[in-house]
Protein backbone atom coordinates (compact mmCIF):
# COMPACT_ATOMS: atom_id res chain seq x y z
CA MET A 1 -0.05 -0.24 -0.17
CA LYS A 2 1.67 3.56 -0.96
CA ARG A 3 1.02 5.94 1.40
CA ASP A 4 1.33 9.99 0.16
CA LYS A 5 2.33 10.69 3.41
CA PRO A 6 3.45 9.44 6.71
CA PHE A 7 1.71 6.94 9.22
CA ASP A 8 -0.07 9.00 11.94
CA PHE A 9 -0.27 6.65 14.66
CA LYS A 10 -3.46 8.74 16.58
CA LYS A 11 -5.33 9.52 12.58
CA ASP A 12 -4.75 6.31 11.49
CA GLY A 13 -5.03 3.82 14.44
CA SER A 14 -8.77 3.35 13.31
CA LYS A 15 -7.70 1.44 10.12
CA GLY A 16 -5.66 -0.79 12.61
CA PHE A 17 -2.49 -0.09 14.93
CA PRO A 18 1.31 -0.37 12.46
CA VAL A 19 3.29 -3.27 13.46
CA VAL A 20 7.22 -3.26 13.90
CA ALA A 21 8.67 -6.02 12.05
CA ILE A 22 12.46 -6.01 13.63
CA GLY A 23 14.85 -8.25 11.48
CA ALA A 24 18.44 -9.28 13.51
CA SER A 25 21.88 -11.07 13.24
CA ALA A 26 23.26 -12.78 16.38
CA GLY A 27 23.65 -10.27 18.66
CA GLY A 28 20.70 -8.20 18.21
CA SER A 29 19.11 -9.19 21.43
CA ASP A 30 21.29 -6.46 23.02
CA ALA A 31 19.92 -3.52 21.14
CA MET A 32 16.52 -4.85 21.08
CA CYS A 33 16.44 -4.94 24.74
CA GLU A 34 17.83 -1.29 24.61
CA VAL A 35 15.09 -0.22 22.53
CA LEU A 36 12.19 -2.05 24.38
CA ALA A 37 13.76 -0.59 27.83
CA SER A 38 12.99 2.85 26.25
CA LEU A 39 9.40 2.31 24.97
CA ALA A 40 6.24 4.37 25.93
CA PRO A 41 4.33 1.76 27.92
CA GLU A 42 0.84 2.88 26.32
CA THR A 43 2.40 1.49 22.73
CA ARG A 44 -0.25 0.98 20.48
CA ALA A 45 1.93 -1.15 17.85
CA ALA A 46 2.71 -5.05 18.12
CA TYR A 47 6.52 -6.04 17.28
CA ILE A 48 7.65 -8.90 16.24
CA TYR A 49 11.43 -9.91 16.19
CA LEU A 50 13.38 -12.12 14.28
CA GLN A 51 16.52 -13.00 14.29
CA HIS A 52 18.64 -15.44 12.14
CA GLY A 53 21.65 -17.43 13.06
CA GLN A 54 20.30 -17.07 16.27
CA LYS A 55 22.06 -18.51 19.09
CA GLU A 56 19.83 -17.79 21.98
CA ASP A 57 16.45 -20.01 22.72
CA VAL A 58 13.09 -18.58 21.89
CA ALA A 59 12.21 -18.85 25.54
CA GLU A 60 15.61 -17.36 26.58
CA LEU A 61 14.73 -14.14 24.53
CA VAL A 62 11.07 -14.03 25.72
CA SER A 63 12.63 -13.73 29.08
CA ARG A 64 15.15 -11.40 28.18
CA PHE A 65 12.67 -9.15 26.48
CA ALA A 66 9.85 -9.71 29.10
CA ALA A 67 12.45 -8.21 31.68
CA VAL A 68 12.69 -5.04 29.95
CA THR A 69 9.48 -3.76 28.76
CA GLY A 70 5.96 -3.34 30.44
CA MET A 71 4.47 -5.28 27.09
CA PRO A 72 3.45 -9.17 26.93
CA VAL A 73 6.06 -10.91 25.54
CA LYS A 74 5.38 -14.27 23.91
CA GLU A 75 6.95 -16.95 21.22
CA ALA A 76 4.91 -16.34 18.02
CA LYS A 77 3.54 -19.29 16.82
CA ASP A 78 0.93 -20.58 13.22
CA GLU A 79 -2.22 -19.11 13.13
CA GLU A 80 -1.49 -16.47 15.82
CA VAL A 81 -3.47 -13.39 15.75
CA VAL A 82 -1.33 -10.17 15.97
CA LEU A 83 -2.51 -7.19 18.87
CA PRO A 84 -1.37 -4.53 19.79
CA ALA A 85 0.93 -3.87 22.37
CA TYR A 86 2.24 -7.28 22.38
CA MET A 87 5.81 -8.61 21.18
CA TYR A 88 6.12 -11.96 19.58
CA VAL A 89 9.59 -13.28 18.81
CA VAL A 90 9.81 -15.94 16.07
CA PRO A 91 11.59 -19.31 17.02
CA PRO A 92 14.92 -19.83 15.50
CA GLU A 93 14.99 -21.69 12.16
CA THR A 94 11.41 -20.90 11.13
CA GLU A 95 9.89 -18.67 8.07
CA MET A 96 7.12 -16.57 9.71
CA VAL A 97 4.88 -14.52 7.17
CA PHE A 98 1.58 -12.77 7.81
CA SER A 99 -1.43 -13.77 5.74
CA ASP A 100 -4.92 -13.69 5.51
CA GLY A 101 -4.95 -11.89 9.29
CA ARG A 102 -2.36 -14.31 10.86
CA LEU A 103 0.88 -15.14 11.04
CA ARG A 104 2.11 -18.27 9.54
CA VAL A 105 4.77 -20.14 10.11
CA ASN A 106 6.80 -23.00 8.07
CA ARG A 107 9.99 -24.83 8.95
CA GLN A 108 10.24 -27.09 6.20
CA GLY A 109 13.16 -27.31 3.74
CA LEU A 110 14.84 -24.27 4.79
CA ARG A 111 17.51 -24.21 2.60
CA GLN A 112 20.86 -21.67 3.50
CA ARG A 113 20.78 -19.61 0.48
CA GLU A 114 17.03 -20.12 0.68
CA ARG A 115 16.60 -18.26 4.01
CA ARG A 116 16.02 -14.68 3.57
CA LEU A 117 13.73 -14.67 6.45
CA VAL A 118 13.93 -11.11 7.18
CA ASP A 119 12.69 -10.07 3.62
CA LYS A 120 9.74 -12.56 3.85
CA LEU A 121 8.28 -11.16 7.10
CA PHE A 122 9.13 -7.89 6.01
CA ALA A 123 7.31 -7.87 2.70
CA SER A 124 3.98 -10.32 3.77
CA LEU A 125 3.97 -7.24 6.14
CA ALA A 126 4.24 -4.69 3.54
CA LYS A 127 1.43 -7.09 1.31
CA SER A 128 -0.94 -7.34 3.45
CA TRP A 129 -1.18 -5.51 7.05
CA MET A 130 -3.21 -2.28 6.80
CA GLY A 131 -2.15 -0.37 9.88
CA GLY A 132 1.00 0.30 9.01
CA VAL A 133 4.56 -1.58 8.90
CA ILE A 134 7.71 -0.65 10.26
CA GLY A 135 10.83 -2.48 9.45
CA ILE A 136 13.98 -2.29 11.64
CA VAL A 137 17.06 -4.27 10.47
CA LEU A 138 19.46 -5.04 13.06
CA SER A 139 21.82 -6.66 10.86
CA GLY A 140 25.72 -7.71 10.12
CA ASP A 141 27.08 -7.59 6.91
CA GLY A 142 24.46 -9.72 5.40
CA GLU A 143 21.47 -8.38 2.93
CA ASP A 144 18.39 -9.76 4.50
CA GLY A 145 16.19 -7.34 5.32
CA ALA A 146 16.82 -4.88 2.52
CA GLY A 147 14.69 -5.92 0.14
CA GLY A 148 11.70 -6.73 2.54
CA LEU A 149 12.61 -2.56 3.41
CA LYS A 150 11.74 -2.18 0.00
CA ALA A 151 8.72 -3.49 -0.21
CA ILE A 152 7.38 -1.85 2.78
CA LYS A 153 8.46 1.65 1.54
CA ILE A 154 6.63 1.48 -1.59
């Protein structure tokens, strides 16, 4: 959905709520903790965190993030409806996309060269989410996330 002007959280919120999708490489969880600690408690946005090359267990990430934010933090599950003021942590080695109003999980057949997990998540949100999408890449030297950011910008 192309926008002529920036998303206005207060005015456009009646059409939904924004989703902040974060793609990170290993080590991105430290930066994410800093971001979460600085968020206002009354945020209406939903947050989806996907870390490729993940060294930490999803339960460990959920626990770390929950310790620094007042919003509920949970592991993202297949068929999950995204709610405002929640944070969803995508399990490692998992392709997560958004379609038909729900998160969709695919853990089958993820080959190293075809992963681009952040791009897939960002592009699916850009295509299907009507409340505004914000993409953040906390990545090192890889390109995963760059294509998805272009899809969000369109």
